Amino acid sequence: IVWRFLLASLLLFAWCFIRGLKLNFPWRDHAN
């Protein structure tokens, strides 16, 4: 399960980077 969601997360972050999506969020969002 760890491998599965780590890989999924990595792919989503790569997609955000390629598309230039915002990745800088306030700490409240990270808490959520």
PDB file of all heavy atoms in Angstrom:
ATOM      1  N   ILE A   1       0.838  -1.201   0.000  1.00  0.00           N
ATOM      2  CA  ILE A   1       0.000   0.000   0.000  1.00  0.00           C
ATOM      3  C   ILE A   1       0.874   1.252   0.000  1.00  0.00           C
ATOM      4  O   ILE A   1       0.583   2.231  -0.691  1.00  0.00           O
ATOM      5  CB  ILE A   1      -0.948  -0.003   1.215  1.00  0.00           C
ATOM      6  CG1 ILE A   1      -1.963  -1.139   1.083  1.00  0.00           C
ATOM      7  CG2 ILE A   1      -1.675   1.335   1.338  1.00  0.00           C
ATOM      8  CD1 ILE A   1      -2.739  -1.403   2.352  1.00  0.00           C
ATOM      9  N   VAL A   2       1.978   1.232   0.760  1.00  0.00           N
ATOM     10  CA  VAL A   2       2.903   2.365   0.783  1.00  0.00           C
ATOM     11  C   VAL A   2       3.478   2.595  -0.606  1.00  0.00           C
ATOM     12  O   VAL A   2       3.491   3.726  -1.115  1.00  0.00           O
ATOM     13  CB  VAL A   2       4.042   2.123   1.794  1.00  0.00           C
ATOM     14  CG1 VAL A   2       5.139   3.178   1.609  1.00  0.00           C
ATOM     15  CG2 VAL A   2       3.516   2.178   3.215  1.00  0.00           C
ATOM     16  N   TRP A   3       3.981   1.525  -1.239  1.00  0.00           N
ATOM     17  CA  TRP A   3       4.540   1.670  -2.591  1.00  0.00           C
ATOM     18  C   TRP A   3       3.501   2.225  -3.552  1.00  0.00           C
ATOM     19  O   TRP A   3       3.803   3.076  -4.395  1.00  0.00           O
ATOM     20  CB  TRP A   3       5.052   0.330  -3.108  1.00  0.00           C
ATOM     21  CG  TRP A   3       6.183  -0.296  -2.359  1.00  0.00           C
ATOM     22  CD1 TRP A   3       6.320  -1.621  -2.039  1.00  0.00           C
ATOM     23  CD2 TRP A   3       7.367   0.344  -1.850  1.00  0.00           C
ATOM     24  NE1 TRP A   3       7.490  -1.848  -1.353  1.00  0.00           N
ATOM     25  CE2 TRP A   3       8.149  -0.650  -1.222  1.00  0.00           C
ATOM     26  CE3 TRP A   3       7.821   1.656  -1.857  1.00  0.00           C
ATOM     27  CZ2 TRP A   3       9.356  -0.370  -0.624  1.00  0.00           C
ATOM     28  CZ3 TRP A   3       9.042   1.945  -1.246  1.00  0.00           C
ATOM     29  CH2 TRP A   3       9.793   0.927  -0.640  1.00  0.00           C
ATOM     30  N   ARG A   4       2.277   1.731  -3.431  1.00  0.00           N
ATOM     31  CA  ARG A   4       1.202   2.161  -4.338  1.00  0.00           C
ATOM     32  C   ARG A   4       0.936   3.657  -4.232  1.00  0.00           C
ATOM     33  O   ARG A   4       0.912   4.366  -5.256  1.00  0.00           O
ATOM     34  CB  ARG A   4      -0.075   1.375  -4.015  1.00  0.00           C
ATOM     35  CG  ARG A   4      -1.325   1.904  -4.695  1.00  0.00           C
ATOM     36  CD  ARG A   4      -2.545   1.091  -4.270  1.00  0.00           C
ATOM     37  NE  ARG A   4      -3.792   1.717  -4.710  1.00  0.00           N
ATOM     38  CZ  ARG A   4      -5.008   1.184  -4.500  1.00  0.00           C
ATOM     39  NH1 ARG A   4      -5.121   0.026  -3.882  1.00  0.00           N
ATOM     40  NH2 ARG A   4      -6.085   1.823  -4.936  1.00  0.00           N
ATOM     41  N   PHE A   5       0.757   4.160  -3.029  1.00  0.00           N
ATOM     42  CA  PHE A   5       0.393   5.564  -2.879  1.00  0.00           C
ATOM     43  C   PHE A   5       1.592   6.500  -2.999  1.00  0.00           C
ATOM     44  O   PHE A   5       1.434   7.663  -3.396  1.00  0.00           O
ATOM     45  CB  PHE A   5      -0.358   5.790  -1.569  1.00  0.00           C
ATOM     46  CG  PHE A   5      -1.765   5.260  -1.605  1.00  0.00           C
ATOM     47  CD1 PHE A   5      -2.201   4.314  -0.686  1.00  0.00           C
ATOM     48  CD2 PHE A   5      -2.652   5.684  -2.580  1.00  0.00           C
ATOM     49  CE1 PHE A   5      -3.491   3.810  -0.730  1.00  0.00           C
ATOM     50  CE2 PHE A   5      -3.946   5.191  -2.637  1.00  0.00           C
ATOM     51  CZ  PHE A   5      -4.366   4.252  -1.715  1.00  0.00           C
ATOM     52  N   LEU A   6       2.787   6.017  -2.684  1.00  0.00           N
ATOM     53  CA  LEU A   6       3.968   6.831  -2.939  1.00  0.00           C
ATOM     54  C   LEU A   6       4.150   7.041  -4.437  1.00  0.00           C
ATOM     55  O   LEU A   6       4.447   8.152  -4.899  1.00  0.00           O
ATOM     56  CB  LEU A   6       5.216   6.168  -2.341  1.00  0.00           C
ATOM     57  CG  LEU A   6       5.500   6.403  -0.860  1.00  0.00           C
ATOM     58  CD1 LEU A   6       6.765   5.661  -0.448  1.00  0.00           C
ATOM     59  CD2 LEU A   6       5.644   7.891  -0.550  1.00  0.00           C
ATOM     60  N   LEU A   7       3.992   5.970  -5.210  1.00  0.00           N
ATOM     61  CA  LEU A   7       4.112   6.075  -6.663  1.00  0.00           C
ATOM     62  C   LEU A   7       3.011   6.961  -7.232  1.00  0.00           C
ATOM     63  O   LEU A   7       3.273   7.819  -8.095  1.00  0.00           O
ATOM     64  CB  LEU A   7       4.052   4.682  -7.297  1.00  0.00           C
ATOM     65  CG  LEU A   7       4.104   4.625  -8.832  1.00  0.00           C
ATOM     66  CD1 LEU A   7       5.360   5.316  -9.356  1.00  0.00           C
ATOM     67  CD2 LEU A   7       4.046   3.173  -9.311  1.00  0.00           C
ATOM     68  N   ALA A   8       1.786   6.780  -6.749  1.00  0.00           N
ATOM     69  CA  ALA A   8       0.670   7.612  -7.220  1.00  0.00           C
ATOM     70  C   ALA A   8       0.921   9.086  -6.906  1.00  0.00           C
ATOM     71  O   ALA A   8       0.679   9.965  -7.747  1.00  0.00           O
ATOM     72  CB  ALA A   8      -0.637   7.144  -6.579  1.00  0.00           C
ATOM     73  N   SER A   9       1.411   9.352  -5.707  1.00  0.00           N
ATOM     74  CA  SER A   9       1.712  10.733  -5.314  1.00  0.00           C
ATOM     75  C   SER A   9       2.804  11.324  -6.192  1.00  0.00           C
ATOM     76  O   SER A   9       2.700  12.469  -6.648  1.00  0.00           O
ATOM     77  CB  SER A   9       2.140  10.757  -3.843  1.00  0.00           C
ATOM     78  OG  SER A   9       2.548  12.045  -3.451  1.00  0.00           O
ATOM     79  N   LEU A  10       3.852  10.536  -6.449  1.00  0.00           N
ATOM     80  CA  LEU A  10       4.949  11.002  -7.301  1.00  0.00           C
ATOM     81  C   LEU A  10       4.442  11.351  -8.695  1.00  0.00           C
ATOM     82  O   LEU A  10       4.823  12.385  -9.273  1.00  0.00           O
ATOM     83  CB  LEU A  10       6.030   9.925  -7.383  1.00  0.00           C
ATOM     84  CG  LEU A  10       7.219  10.220  -8.301  1.00  0.00           C
ATOM     85  CD1 LEU A  10       7.990  11.439  -7.790  1.00  0.00           C
ATOM     86  CD2 LEU A  10       8.146   9.009  -8.396  1.00  0.00           C
ATOM     87  N   LEU A  11       3.565  10.518  -9.246  1.00  0.00           N
ATOM     88  CA  LEU A  11       3.010  10.774 -10.576  1.00  0.00           C
ATOM     89  C   LEU A  11       2.160  12.044 -10.585  1.00  0.00           C
ATOM     90  O   LEU A  11       2.203  12.827 -11.546  1.00  0.00           O
ATOM     91  CB  LEU A  11       2.174   9.574 -11.024  1.00  0.00           C
ATOM     92  CG  LEU A  11       2.945   8.284 -11.305  1.00  0.00           C
ATOM     93  CD1 LEU A  11       1.990   7.121 -11.538  1.00  0.00           C
ATOM     94  CD2 LEU A  11       3.869   8.463 -12.507  1.00  0.00           C
ATOM     95  N   LEU A  12       1.390  12.256  -9.524  1.00  0.00           N
ATOM     96  CA  LEU A  12       0.563  13.465  -9.448  1.00  0.00           C
ATOM     97  C   LEU A  12       1.418  14.722  -9.312  1.00  0.00           C
ATOM     98  O   LEU A  12       1.122  15.757  -9.932  1.00  0.00           O
ATOM     99  CB  LEU A  12      -0.405  13.354  -8.264  1.00  0.00           C
ATOM    100  CG  LEU A  12      -1.588  12.405  -8.464  1.00  0.00           C
ATOM    101  CD1 LEU A  12      -2.344  12.207  -7.158  1.00  0.00           C
ATOM    102  CD2 LEU A  12      -2.527  12.945  -9.542  1.00  0.00           C
ATOM    103  N   PHE A  13       2.498  14.645  -8.525  1.00  0.00           N
ATOM    104  CA  PHE A  13       3.390  15.790  -8.404  1.00  0.00           C
ATOM    105  C   PHE A  13       4.090  16.075  -9.738  1.00  0.00           C
ATOM    106  O   PHE A  13       4.295  17.240 -10.106  1.00  0.00           O
ATOM    107  CB  PHE A  13       4.434  15.556  -7.307  1.00  0.00           C
ATOM    108  CG  PHE A  13       3.923  15.831  -5.924  1.00  0.00           C
ATOM    109  CD1 PHE A  13       3.925  14.824  -4.960  1.00  0.00           C
ATOM    110  CD2 PHE A  13       3.444  17.089  -5.572  1.00  0.00           C
ATOM    111  CE1 PHE A  13       3.455  15.077  -3.675  1.00  0.00           C
ATOM    112  CE2 PHE A  13       2.979  17.350  -4.292  1.00  0.00           C
ATOM    113  CZ  PHE A  13       2.980  16.336  -3.336  1.00  0.00           C
ATOM    114  N   ALA A  14       4.454  15.013 -10.453  1.00  0.00           N
ATOM    115  CA  ALA A  14       5.071  15.186 -11.773  1.00  0.00           C
ATOM    116  C   ALA A  14       4.100  15.871 -12.729  1.00  0.00           C
ATOM    117  O   ALA A  14       4.493  16.760 -13.503  1.00  0.00           O
ATOM    118  CB  ALA A  14       5.512  13.832 -12.329  1.00  0.00           C
ATOM    119  N   TRP A  15       2.832  15.472 -12.666  1.00  0.00           N
ATOM    120  CA  TRP A  15       1.808  16.088 -13.502  1.00  0.00           C
ATOM    121  C   TRP A  15       1.651  17.583 -13.163  1.00  0.00           C
ATOM    122  O   TRP A  15       1.544  18.421 -14.062  1.00  0.00           O
ATOM    123  CB  TRP A  15       0.488  15.362 -13.316  1.00  0.00           C
ATOM    124  CG  TRP A  15      -0.679  15.965 -14.052  1.00  0.00           C
ATOM    125  CD1 TRP A  15      -1.673  16.749 -13.539  1.00  0.00           C
ATOM    126  CD2 TRP A  15      -0.953  15.850 -15.453  1.00  0.00           C
ATOM    127  NE1 TRP A  15      -2.563  17.121 -14.515  1.00  0.00           N
ATOM    128  CE2 TRP A  15      -2.147  16.579 -15.705  1.00  0.00           C
ATOM    129  CE3 TRP A  15      -0.326  15.206 -16.518  1.00  0.00           C
ATOM    130  CZ2 TRP A  15      -2.705  16.687 -16.967  1.00  0.00           C
ATOM    131  CZ3 TRP A  15      -0.888  15.298 -17.784  1.00  0.00           C
ATOM    132  CH2 TRP A  15      -2.053  16.025 -17.993  1.00  0.00           C
ATOM    133  N   CYS A  16       1.652  17.890 -11.868  1.00  0.00           N
ATOM    134  CA  CYS A  16       1.549  19.291 -11.443  1.00  0.00           C
ATOM    135  C   CYS A  16       2.725  20.102 -11.960  1.00  0.00           C
ATOM    136  O   CYS A  16       2.566  21.247 -12.409  1.00  0.00           O
ATOM    137  CB  CYS A  16       1.492  19.376  -9.917  1.00  0.00           C
ATOM    138  SG  CYS A  16      -0.016  18.719  -9.182  1.00  0.00           S
ATOM    139  N   PHE A  17       3.923  19.503 -11.901  1.00  0.00           N
ATOM    140  CA  PHE A  17       5.125  20.198 -12.362  1.00  0.00           C
ATOM    141  C   PHE A  17       5.074  20.439 -13.868  1.00  0.00           C
ATOM    142  O   PHE A  17       5.372  21.542 -14.352  1.00  0.00           O
ATOM    143  CB  PHE A  17       6.370  19.382 -11.994  1.00  0.00           C
ATOM    144  CG  PHE A  17       7.666  20.016 -12.424  1.00  0.00           C
ATOM    145  CD1 PHE A  17       8.216  21.066 -11.702  1.00  0.00           C
ATOM    146  CD2 PHE A  17       8.329  19.557 -13.565  1.00  0.00           C
ATOM    147  CE1 PHE A  17       9.413  21.655 -12.107  1.00  0.00           C
ATOM    148  CE2 PHE A  17       9.518  20.143 -13.968  1.00  0.00           C
ATOM    149  CZ  PHE A  17      10.056  21.189 -13.244  1.00  0.00           C
ATOM    150  N   ILE A  18       4.668  19.414 -14.629  1.00  0.00           N
ATOM    151  CA  ILE A  18       4.590  19.534 -16.087  1.00  0.00           C
ATOM    152  C   ILE A  18       3.559  20.578 -16.499  1.00  0.00           C
ATOM    153  O   ILE A  18       3.783  21.362 -17.423  1.00  0.00           O
ATOM    154  CB  ILE A  18       4.258  18.161 -16.714  1.00  0.00           C
ATOM    155  CG1 ILE A  18       5.424  17.192 -16.514  1.00  0.00           C
ATOM    156  CG2 ILE A  18       3.939  18.302 -18.205  1.00  0.00           C
ATOM    157  CD1 ILE A  18       5.103  15.754 -16.886  1.00  0.00           C
ATOM    158  N   ARG A  19       2.425  20.579 -15.810  1.00  0.00           N
ATOM    159  CA  ARG A  19       1.350  21.503 -16.154  1.00  0.00           C
ATOM    160  C   ARG A  19       1.512  22.883 -15.508  1.00  0.00           C
ATOM    161  O   ARG A  19       0.724  23.779 -15.765  1.00  0.00           O
ATOM    162  CB  ARG A  19       0.000  20.902 -15.729  1.00  0.00           C
ATOM    163  CG  ARG A  19      -0.390  19.640 -16.476  1.00  0.00           C
ATOM    164  CD  ARG A  19      -0.583  19.919 -17.962  1.00  0.00           C
ATOM    165  NE  ARG A  19      -1.590  20.933 -18.192  1.00  0.00           N
ATOM    166  CZ  ARG A  19      -2.891  20.693 -18.288  1.00  0.00           C
ATOM    167  NH1 ARG A  19      -3.338  19.435 -18.185  1.00  0.00           N
ATOM    168  NH2 ARG A  19      -3.747  21.661 -18.516  1.00  0.00           N
ATOM    169  N   GLY A  20       2.517  23.032 -14.665  1.00  0.00           N
ATOM    170  CA  GLY A  20       2.741  24.315 -14.008  1.00  0.00           C
ATOM    171  C   GLY A  20       1.690  24.648 -12.961  1.00  0.00           C
ATOM    172  O   GLY A  20       1.399  25.833 -12.726  1.00  0.00           O
ATOM    173  N   LEU A  21       1.134  23.604 -12.325  1.00  0.00           N
ATOM    174  CA  LEU A  21       0.100  23.826 -11.318  1.00  0.00           C
ATOM    175  C   LEU A  21       0.729  24.282 -10.003  1.00  0.00           C
ATOM    176  O   LEU A  21       1.842  23.890  -9.658  1.00  0.00           O
ATOM    177  CB  LEU A  21      -0.710  22.545 -11.092  1.00  0.00           C
ATOM    178  CG  LEU A  21      -1.436  21.977 -12.305  1.00  0.00           C
ATOM    179  CD1 LEU A  21      -2.183  20.694 -11.932  1.00  0.00           C
ATOM    180  CD2 LEU A  21      -2.409  22.993 -12.888  1.00  0.00           C
ATOM    181  N   LYS A  22       0.001  25.069  -9.274  1.00  0.00           N
ATOM    182  CA  LYS A  22       0.468  25.611  -8.000  1.00  0.00           C
ATOM    183  C   LYS A  22       0.759  24.496  -7.003  1.00  0.00           C
ATOM    184  O   LYS A  22      -0.030  23.573  -6.832  1.00  0.00           O
ATOM    185  CB  LYS A  22      -0.605  26.553  -7.432  1.00  0.00           C
ATOM    186  CG  LYS A  22      -0.300  27.094  -6.048  1.00  0.00           C
ATOM    187  CD  LYS A  22      -1.472  27.924  -5.531  1.00  0.00           C
ATOM    188  CE  LYS A  22      -1.238  28.384  -4.100  1.00  0.00           C
ATOM    189  NZ  LYS A  22      -2.394  29.134  -3.561  1.00  0.00           N
ATOM    190  N   LEU A  23       1.926  24.599  -6.341  1.00  0.00           N
ATOM    191  CA  LEU A  23       2.290  23.624  -5.307  1.00  0.00           C
ATOM    192  C   LEU A  23       2.644  24.300  -3.986  1.00  0.00           C
ATOM    193  O   LEU A  23       2.991  23.624  -3.016  1.00  0.00           O
ATOM    194  CB  LEU A  23       3.469  22.763  -5.772  1.00  0.00           C
ATOM    195  CG  LEU A  23       3.152  21.723  -6.855  1.00  0.00           C
ATOM    196  CD1 LEU A  23       4.427  21.046  -7.338  1.00  0.00           C
ATOM    197  CD2 LEU A  23       2.155  20.697  -6.346  1.00  0.00           C
ATOM    198  N   ASN A  24       2.551  25.604  -3.953  1.00  0.00           N
ATOM    199  CA  ASN A  24       2.846  26.352  -2.729  1.00  0.00           C
ATOM    200  C   ASN A  24       1.531  26.720  -2.051  1.00  0.00           C
ATOM    201  O   ASN A  24       0.769  27.547  -2.542  1.00  0.00           O
ATOM    202  CB  ASN A  24       3.645  27.607  -3.067  1.00  0.00           C
ATOM    203  CG  ASN A  24       4.068  28.365  -1.826  1.00  0.00           C
ATOM    204  OD1 ASN A  24       4.162  27.785  -0.745  1.00  0.00           O
ATOM    205  ND2 ASN A  24       4.298  29.661  -1.969  1.00  0.00           N
ATOM    206  N   PHE A  25       1.260  26.088  -0.904  1.00  0.00           N
ATOM    207  CA  PHE A  25      -0.005  26.283  -0.197  1.00  0.00           C
ATOM    208  C   PHE A  25       0.252  26.611   1.263  1.00  0.00           C
ATOM    209  O   PHE A  25       1.287  26.226   1.826  1.00  0.00           O
ATOM    210  CB  PHE A  25      -0.865  25.013  -0.287  1.00  0.00           C
ATOM    211  CG  PHE A  25      -1.366  24.711  -1.673  1.00  0.00           C
ATOM    212  CD1 PHE A  25      -0.618  23.918  -2.533  1.00  0.00           C
ATOM    213  CD2 PHE A  25      -2.576  25.215  -2.116  1.00  0.00           C
ATOM    214  CE1 PHE A  25      -1.068  23.623  -3.809  1.00  0.00           C
ATOM    215  CE2 PHE A  25      -3.046  24.936  -3.391  1.00  0.00           C
ATOM    216  CZ  PHE A  25      -2.286  24.141  -4.238  1.00  0.00           C
ATOM    217  N   PRO A  26      -0.682  27.292   1.927  1.00  0.00           N
ATOM    218  CA  PRO A  26      -0.528  27.614   3.352  1.00  0.00           C
ATOM    219  C   PRO A  26      -0.583  26.360   4.215  1.00  0.00           C
ATOM    220  O   PRO A  26      -1.097  25.314   3.791  1.00  0.00           O
ATOM    221  CB  PRO A  26      -1.714  28.549   3.631  1.00  0.00           C
ATOM    222  CG  PRO A  26      -2.710  28.260   2.561  1.00  0.00           C
ATOM    223  CD  PRO A  26      -1.914  27.883   1.349  1.00  0.00           C
ATOM    224  N   TRP A  27      -0.076  26.494   5.430  1.00  0.00           N
ATOM    225  CA  TRP A  27       0.019  25.332   6.315  1.00  0.00           C
ATOM    226  C   TRP A  27      -1.344  24.759   6.654  1.00  0.00           C
ATOM    227  O   TRP A  27      -1.469  23.550   6.922  1.00  0.00           O
ATOM    228  CB  TRP A  27       0.767  25.702   7.600  1.00  0.00           C
ATOM    229  CG  TRP A  27       0.015  26.650   8.500  1.00  0.00           C
ATOM    230  CD1 TRP A  27       0.093  28.002   8.522  1.00  0.00           C
ATOM    231  CD2 TRP A  27      -0.930  26.286   9.518  1.00  0.00           C
ATOM    232  NE1 TRP A  27      -0.741  28.526   9.475  1.00  0.00           N
ATOM    233  CE2 TRP A  27      -1.385  27.495  10.113  1.00  0.00           C
ATOM    234  CE3 TRP A  27      -1.440  25.079   9.991  1.00  0.00           C
ATOM    235  CZ2 TRP A  27      -2.325  27.512  11.139  1.00  0.00           C
ATOM    236  CZ3 TRP A  27      -2.367  25.095  11.015  1.00  0.00           C
ATOM    237  CH2 TRP A  27      -2.802  26.302  11.585  1.00  0.00           C
ATOM    238  N   ARG A  28      -2.394  25.571   6.631  1.00  0.00           N
ATOM    239  CA  ARG A  28      -3.742  25.065   6.933  1.00  0.00           C
ATOM    240  C   ARG A  28      -4.184  24.031   5.898  1.00  0.00           C
ATOM    241  O   ARG A  28      -4.849  23.053   6.245  1.00  0.00           O
ATOM    242  CB  ARG A  28      -4.736  26.228   6.990  1.00  0.00           C
ATOM    243  CG  ARG A  28      -4.569  27.135   8.188  1.00  0.00           C
ATOM    244  CD  ARG A  28      -5.644  28.215   8.230  1.00  0.00           C
ATOM    245  NE  ARG A  28      -5.489  29.100   9.381  1.00  0.00           N
ATOM    246  CZ  ARG A  28      -4.672  30.140   9.413  1.00  0.00           C
ATOM    247  NH1 ARG A  28      -3.935  30.438   8.337  1.00  0.00           N
ATOM    248  NH2 ARG A  28      -4.583  30.901  10.493  1.00  0.00           N
ATOM    249  N   ASP A  29      -3.842  24.270   4.631  1.00  0.00           N
ATOM    250  CA  ASP A  29      -4.173  23.293   3.601  1.00  0.00           C
ATOM    251  C   ASP A  29      -3.422  21.985   3.829  1.00  0.00           C
ATOM    252  O   ASP A  29      -3.969  20.893   3.662  1.00  0.00           O
ATOM    253  CB  ASP A  29      -3.848  23.843   2.209  1.00  0.00           C
ATOM    254  CG  ASP A  29      -4.817  24.936   1.783  1.00  0.00           C
ATOM    255  OD1 ASP A  29      -5.947  24.960   2.318  1.00  0.00           O
ATOM    256  OD2 ASP A  29      -4.455  25.759   0.930  1.00  0.00           O
ATOM    257  N   HIS A  30      -2.161  22.104   4.230  1.00  0.00           N
ATOM    258  CA  HIS A  30      -1.381  20.895   4.500  1.00  0.00           C
ATOM    259  C   HIS A  30      -1.947  20.137   5.702  1.00  0.00           C
ATOM    260  O   HIS A  30      -1.931  18.904   5.725  1.00  0.00           O
ATOM    261  CB  HIS A  30       0.086  21.259   4.727  1.00  0.00           C
ATOM    262  CG  HIS A  30       0.813  21.627   3.478  1.00  0.00           C
ATOM    263  ND1 HIS A  30       1.327  20.690   2.608  1.00  0.00           N
ATOM    264  CD2 HIS A  30       1.079  22.847   2.931  1.00  0.00           C
ATOM    265  CE1 HIS A  30       1.907  21.312   1.589  1.00  0.00           C
ATOM    266  NE2 HIS A  30       1.762  22.619   1.758  1.00  0.00           N
ATOM    267  N   ALA A  31      -2.441  20.850   6.686  1.00  0.00           N
ATOM    268  CA  ALA A  31      -3.086  20.201   7.835  1.00  0.00           C
ATOM    269  C   ALA A  31      -4.331  19.448   7.380  1.00  0.00           C
ATOM    270  O   ALA A  31      -4.597  18.325   7.836  1.00  0.00           O
ATOM    271  CB  ALA A  31      -3.436  21.237   8.897  1.00  0.00           C
ATOM    272  N   ASN A  32      -5.091  20.064   6.473  1.00  0.00           N
ATOM    273  CA  ASN A  32      -6.274  19.389   5.925  1.00  0.00           C
ATOM    274  C   ASN A  32      -5.884  18.131   5.156  1.00  0.00           C
ATOM    275  O   ASN A  32      -6.533  17.089   5.262  1.00  0.00           O
ATOM    276  CB  ASN A  32      -7.032  20.342   4.997  1.00  0.00           C
ATOM    277  CG  ASN A  32      -7.751  21.449   5.745  1.00  0.00           C
ATOM    278  OD1 ASN A  32      -8.139  21.278   6.890  1.00  0.00           O
ATOM    279  ND2 ASN A  32      -7.906  22.602   5.100  1.00  0.00           N
TER     280      ASN A  32
END
